[in-house]
Amino acid sequence: MTTSQAAANRKYDVVTFGETMLRLSAAGFSRLEEATALEVRIGGSESNTAVALARLGMRVAWWSKLPANPMGRRIENEIRRWGVDTRHVIWDRSPDSRAGLYFLDFGHPPRATDVYYDRAASSASRLTAIELESSPISEARLLHLTGITPALSPYTLKAVSSAIDIARSSGAAVSFDINYRSKLWSPAKAREALEPLLSAVDLLMCPISDAATIFAISGDGAAVAREFRERYGVGSAVVTLSGGGALACSSKEEVETSPHHLPQIVDRVGAGDAFNAGMIMGFLDSNLKRGLQYGTAMAALKHTMPGDLLISTRQEIDAAVAGTGSGISR
């Protein structure tokens, strides 16, 4: 049996890990400074993608290091609720354990939406490479990572590097979303940390703005995707075009897709993670065009619902891909 055949028979299609936080926001478009109550949800790029993959019917596991308290249990319960395997979560029982928080101050043009983090010294930021020894990476077809986790601490940077090593040695593919967060680190520090990781990536996803900001790669989507492949040796590069669709480039093909029309946006947060889920599904099926179609449809659906998570069904996603999902179903 070849390595690829063995990978196809594994317990999980995708495994991923990273920080998931409690998300706090005021009702509607009220400002945080006037709020008398806050809505509590959860949000984290990797777990957002895991939930979207599970809604597609894929076998997915997510883990992190969470405080063994009500806040940690709230996070784990919500992710598990939507079909994601969370049995590998590491429970932090230290006296100073805590979950990260983020506060969302919703805006509407011309007022921007602002995010305020309270995540320093969270349990997830203290996840170490040693704690990955019992992770399910070697049981998966693909390991999904983002550039957020390496930004949290030196510990998590080493954990990400170790996770990639485990994936490569076990024959699992690696997908990576650059997902730059300027409030966590500078472009120079991001580039220094991420460049050594990219040569082991099979599927790279990056907004065109992040390519320019971090890696000084400019041009249209096709040029940026080709440059990622040539400079870093990534297998397939996917560039999202800031509302203008997306383009995927591999050694065999270049394919692109147009964005869905969005007459109204309910909540932008998590749309990129939903896109990643569709893209990963297509990649595992060796069909980048299908990945782009599902990714853009899932991102569009995510814009229609509050919260970070894409709470959809496979039927609804298929209808959005086919362009038959609008109107009223009676």
Foldseek 3Di string as FASTA:
>chain_A
DDLLVVQVPFPFAEEEEAAKAWEWEAPDQDFPVPHPGTDTDIDDLGLQLQLLLVLLVGAYEYEFEAEPDPRRVRVLVVSVVSPYHYPLYHYDDDPPEDGKYKYWNDDDPPDHIDIDIDHQPHRRLQAALVSCPPPCLLRYQEYEEELVQLLSYVRSLRNVVSSLVSNVVSSHAYEYEDPDDCVRDALAVSLVSCLVVQLRHQEYEYEQVNCCRNVVQDDDQVSSQVCSCVVRVHAKYKYQYVQQWIWIDGPVDIDTDGADDAPDFDDQAQLQSSLVSLCSVCVSVVHNNRSSLLSRLRSNQVRVDDDNHRPDHSVLSVCSSVVNNDDDDD
